[in-house]
């Protein structure tokens, strides 16, 4: 079986994450969410509210006009046959700590392959079985594993599991509800705005992490690079050893 290239995609809202999984998964697929279930569901509801189509209020201004059409519904809230069938092929796991993640990956094997029912009418296409990880970098932040050593150990274990089980590994980070900065106020050309937006959402890969576990943060330092004793490296360079960085529909 040819090796499936691991992918690192731009930070996404929870609703964008689920939309991607539904569109690109094949049986079997595992979705690893690196945060408590309650936190993710809260963020998911907020992101659905934010990205739902907005109805036109002018249609209801005139009382004598025809009854207003129902407000558009977010696609994730429409129980289509495709969504129902696809969701049954996706195993969702909530991982609260780095220790839980590594223990889960160590036990990941054939039992995960047979735990989900095989869809009877699934067509063979270009989609691949996936291991999708949401929030891997954030899971390590502010822990003793926040280093190139700690993050690299988790990433290499994840890629090894993907190769062993014949699955493509896809990593996302969670992005904020709104992109910071003054992008909406820019009057520059559209291409420049898109370039600025791309740099903004991908700042997660530019975060500096110390090389070794146990590095000491120095107080009173301005930049993230200067805040750590010893050498630091960008998080994206750690992922770049195994992952290919790609753009996505939501950027």
Foldseek 3Di string as FASTA:
>chain_A
DDQAAAAEEFADQLVVVVVVCLVFAAAAAEEEEAADPVVNVVSNVVLQVLPADADDPVQVPDVPHDDDDDGGHRPVPDPDPSVVLSVQNYHYHYHHALVSLVVCLVPDDDCSRPVGDHDPPDDDDDHWHEYEYEALQVRQPPHLLQALVSSLVSLVSVSVSCRVHVHHYYYHYHDDSDQDDDLVVDPDDPVVSVVVSVCRRRCQQQQKTHHDGPWAFDPPDDDNQNRTPHHIDGNNVSCVVRHDYDYDPVD
